[in-house]
Structures are given as C-alpha cells and as structure tokens.
Amino acid sequence: MLALSNKWAPILASQRETGMGYQVASVFLIDGRRFDHVTIVDGSNTRVRDSTGVPFKETEIGRIVVNPG
C-alpha cells in the first residue's frame, strides 16, 4: 500500500467517487508510464490491478485522473 500525501487531496476531492468511499484512477508517472485501475481509498493507493504491490513511489507521480464511474 502506498499512502499519498496531502498534496493529492484537493485533486482527488475535486473528482467523483467511483463507489462509496473509493476512486478508481489512472496514475501517470513523470517518466511517461501509466497505470490504470489504481484503487484509492481514503487517500491511500491500495491496489494496482494485475500487480502484487504498488510499482511506483509517490515522488514519481505526475498526474492522477479518476476514471468516470
């Protein structure tokens, strides 16, 4: 699990929830990689689909876009 800092709170709060208390998003890294189906609950990145862990660090994130629900 990757705990996101307060830096991302306004960005996540401005986007709709996918379901009750969580968001499913695409995470775009600074180096150009993209991870879809990232589940974010209470500001924590809890799961990346098809990955056993979170394959990136917060410092690598360039943008988070919540997928339309």
N, C-alpha and C. Protein backbone atom coordinates (compact mmCIF):
# COMPACT_ATOMS: atom_id res chain seq x y z
N MET A 1 0.85 -1.17 0.00
CA MET A 1 0.00 0.00 0.00
C MET A 1 0.90 1.24 0.00
N LEU A 2 0.46 2.24 -0.73
CA LEU A 2 1.19 3.50 -0.80
C LEU A 2 0.31 4.60 -0.25
N ALA A 3 0.72 5.23 0.83
CA ALA A 3 -0.04 6.34 1.40
C ALA A 3 0.33 7.62 0.65
N LEU A 4 -0.68 8.28 0.10
CA LEU A 4 -0.45 9.51 -0.63
C LEU A 4 -0.46 10.69 0.34
N SER A 5 0.39 11.68 0.07
CA SER A 5 0.46 12.86 0.93
C SER A 5 -0.73 13.78 0.66
N ASN A 6 -0.85 14.80 1.48
CA ASN A 6 -1.95 15.76 1.35
C ASN A 6 -1.90 16.53 0.03
N LYS A 7 -0.80 16.48 -0.67
CA LYS A 7 -0.66 17.15 -1.97
C LYS A 7 -1.78 16.72 -2.92
N TRP A 8 -2.19 15.48 -2.84
CA TRP A 8 -3.16 14.93 -3.78
C TRP A 8 -4.60 15.11 -3.31
N ALA A 9 -4.81 15.50 -2.06
CA ALA A 9 -6.17 15.60 -1.50
C ALA A 9 -7.09 16.51 -2.32
N PRO A 10 -6.68 17.74 -2.68
CA PRO A 10 -7.60 18.58 -3.46
C PRO A 10 -7.88 18.02 -4.85
N ILE A 11 -6.90 17.37 -5.42
CA ILE A 11 -7.08 16.79 -6.77
C ILE A 11 -8.08 15.64 -6.71
N LEU A 12 -7.94 14.77 -5.72
CA LEU A 12 -8.86 13.64 -5.58
C LEU A 12 -10.24 14.11 -5.15
N ALA A 13 -10.30 15.10 -4.27
CA ALA A 13 -11.59 15.61 -3.79
C ALA A 13 -12.39 16.30 -4.90
N SER A 14 -11.69 16.83 -5.89
CA SER A 14 -12.39 17.52 -6.98
C SER A 14 -12.95 16.56 -8.03
N GLN A 15 -12.66 15.28 -7.89
CA GLN A 15 -13.13 14.27 -8.84
C GLN A 15 -14.13 13.34 -8.16
N ARG A 16 -15.02 12.79 -8.94
CA ARG A 16 -16.09 11.95 -8.39
C ARG A 16 -15.57 10.65 -7.81
N GLU A 17 -16.30 10.14 -6.85
CA GLU A 17 -16.02 8.80 -6.32
C GLU A 17 -16.51 7.78 -7.34
N THR A 18 -15.80 6.70 -7.45
CA THR A 18 -16.21 5.60 -8.31
C THR A 18 -17.28 4.79 -7.61
N GLY A 19 -17.12 4.64 -6.32
CA GLY A 19 -18.07 3.93 -5.47
C GLY A 19 -18.02 4.54 -4.09
N MET A 20 -18.75 3.98 -3.18
CA MET A 20 -18.84 4.53 -1.83
C MET A 20 -17.47 4.52 -1.15
N GLY A 21 -16.84 5.69 -1.04
CA GLY A 21 -15.59 5.83 -0.32
C GLY A 21 -14.32 5.47 -1.07
N TYR A 22 -14.41 5.24 -2.37
CA TYR A 22 -13.19 4.91 -3.11
C TYR A 22 -13.25 5.49 -4.52
N GLN A 23 -12.07 5.57 -5.12
CA GLN A 23 -11.94 6.03 -6.50
C GLN A 23 -11.05 5.05 -7.25
N VAL A 24 -11.37 4.82 -8.51
CA VAL A 24 -10.51 4.04 -9.38
C VAL A 24 -9.93 5.03 -10.39
N ALA A 25 -8.61 5.06 -10.47
CA ALA A 25 -7.96 6.10 -11.26
C ALA A 25 -6.87 5.55 -12.16
N SER A 26 -6.45 6.42 -13.08
CA SER A 26 -5.24 6.18 -13.86
C SER A 26 -4.17 7.07 -13.26
N VAL A 27 -3.00 6.49 -13.03
CA VAL A 27 -1.88 7.24 -12.47
C VAL A 27 -0.82 7.37 -13.57
N PHE A 28 -0.48 8.61 -13.87
CA PHE A 28 0.52 8.91 -14.89
C PHE A 28 1.81 9.32 -14.19
N LEU A 29 2.88 8.61 -14.51
CA LEU A 29 4.17 8.91 -13.89
C LEU A 29 4.95 9.92 -14.71
N ILE A 30 5.86 10.59 -14.06
CA ILE A 30 6.67 11.61 -14.70
C ILE A 30 7.46 11.04 -15.87
N ASP A 31 7.87 9.78 -15.78
CA ASP A 31 8.68 9.17 -16.85
C ASP A 31 7.85 8.66 -18.02
N GLY A 32 6.52 8.90 -17.99
CA GLY A 32 5.66 8.51 -19.10
C GLY A 32 4.88 7.23 -18.91
N ARG A 33 5.23 6.44 -17.89
CA ARG A 33 4.46 5.21 -17.66
C ARG A 33 3.08 5.56 -17.14
N ARG A 34 2.14 4.65 -17.38
CA ARG A 34 0.75 4.85 -16.96
C ARG A 34 0.25 3.56 -16.31
N PHE A 35 -0.45 3.72 -15.19
CA PHE A 35 -1.06 2.59 -14.51
C PHE A 35 -2.55 2.85 -14.40
N ASP A 36 -3.34 1.97 -15.00
CA ASP A 36 -4.79 2.08 -14.94
C ASP A 36 -5.31 1.17 -13.84
N HIS A 37 -6.54 1.39 -13.46
CA HIS A 37 -7.20 0.56 -12.45
C HIS A 37 -6.48 0.61 -11.10
N VAL A 38 -6.10 1.81 -10.68
CA VAL A 38 -5.49 2.02 -9.37
C VAL A 38 -6.62 2.40 -8.41
N THR A 39 -6.81 1.62 -7.38
CA THR A 39 -7.87 1.87 -6.41
C THR A 39 -7.32 2.73 -5.28
N ILE A 40 -8.00 3.85 -5.02
CA ILE A 40 -7.58 4.78 -3.98
C ILE A 40 -8.69 4.89 -2.95
N VAL A 41 -8.37 4.54 -1.72
CA VAL A 41 -9.33 4.60 -0.62
C VAL A 41 -8.75 5.51 0.46
N ASP A 42 -9.51 6.51 0.86
CA ASP A 42 -9.08 7.43 1.92
C ASP A 42 -7.69 8.00 1.68
N GLY A 43 -7.39 8.34 0.43
CA GLY A 43 -6.10 8.95 0.13
C GLY A 43 -4.93 7.99 0.08
N SER A 44 -5.21 6.70 0.17
CA SER A 44 -4.15 5.70 0.07
C SER A 44 -4.34 4.88 -1.18
N ASN A 45 -3.26 4.66 -1.86
CA ASN A 45 -3.27 3.84 -3.06
C ASN A 45 -3.24 2.39 -2.58
N THR A 46 -4.34 1.70 -2.70
CA THR A 46 -4.42 0.39 -2.06
C THR A 46 -4.16 -0.79 -2.99
N ARG A 47 -4.36 -0.59 -4.29
CA ARG A 47 -4.19 -1.73 -5.18
C ARG A 47 -3.98 -1.25 -6.61
N VAL A 48 -3.06 -1.87 -7.29
CA VAL A 48 -2.86 -1.64 -8.72
C VAL A 48 -3.21 -2.95 -9.40
N ARG A 49 -4.20 -2.91 -10.25
CA ARG A 49 -4.67 -4.12 -10.92
C ARG A 49 -3.52 -4.87 -11.59
N ASP A 50 -3.52 -6.15 -11.44
CA ASP A 50 -2.52 -7.05 -12.03
C ASP A 50 -1.11 -6.88 -11.47
N SER A 51 -0.96 -6.20 -10.33
CA SER A 51 0.35 -6.06 -9.69
C SER A 51 0.27 -6.62 -8.28
N THR A 52 1.36 -7.21 -7.84
CA THR A 52 1.38 -7.75 -6.48
C THR A 52 1.61 -6.66 -5.45
N GLY A 53 2.15 -5.54 -5.85
CA GLY A 53 2.38 -4.40 -4.98
C GLY A 53 2.16 -3.13 -5.77
N VAL A 54 2.57 -2.02 -5.21
CA VAL A 54 2.47 -0.74 -5.91
C VAL A 54 3.82 -0.50 -6.59
N PRO A 55 3.85 -0.52 -7.93
CA PRO A 55 5.13 -0.47 -8.64
C PRO A 55 5.69 0.94 -8.87
N PHE A 56 5.31 1.88 -8.03
CA PHE A 56 5.85 3.24 -8.15
C PHE A 56 5.82 3.92 -6.80
N LYS A 57 6.57 5.02 -6.69
CA LYS A 57 6.62 5.83 -5.47
C LYS A 57 5.83 7.11 -5.72
N GLU A 58 5.39 7.74 -4.65
CA GLU A 58 4.63 8.98 -4.81
C GLU A 58 5.42 10.04 -5.55
N THR A 59 6.71 10.11 -5.33
CA THR A 59 7.54 11.12 -5.98
C THR A 59 7.60 10.93 -7.50
N GLU A 60 7.20 9.77 -7.99
CA GLU A 60 7.19 9.51 -9.43
C GLU A 60 5.89 9.92 -10.11
N ILE A 61 4.85 10.23 -9.32
CA ILE A 61 3.54 10.55 -9.87
C ILE A 61 3.52 11.96 -10.43
N GLY A 62 3.02 12.06 -11.67
CA GLY A 62 2.86 13.36 -12.30
C GLY A 62 1.42 13.83 -12.28
N ARG A 63 0.50 12.85 -12.40
CA ARG A 63 -0.92 13.20 -12.50
C ARG A 63 -1.77 12.00 -12.11
N ILE A 64 -2.92 12.28 -11.48
CA ILE A 64 -3.89 11.24 -11.14
C ILE A 64 -5.23 11.67 -11.75
N VAL A 65 -5.82 10.78 -12.53
CA VAL A 65 -7.11 11.07 -13.16
C VAL A 65 -8.09 9.95 -12.78
N VAL A 66 -9.14 10.32 -12.07
CA VAL A 66 -10.15 9.34 -11.68
C VAL A 66 -10.97 8.95 -12.90
N ASN A 67 -11.13 7.65 -13.08
CA ASN A 67 -11.91 7.14 -14.21
C ASN A 67 -13.40 7.41 -13.98
N PRO A 68 -14.11 7.79 -15.04
CA PRO A 68 -15.56 8.02 -14.87
C PRO A 68 -16.24 6.76 -14.39
N GLY A 69 -17.15 6.91 -13.46
CA GLY A 69 -17.81 5.75 -12.86
C GLY A 69 -19.05 5.34 -13.50
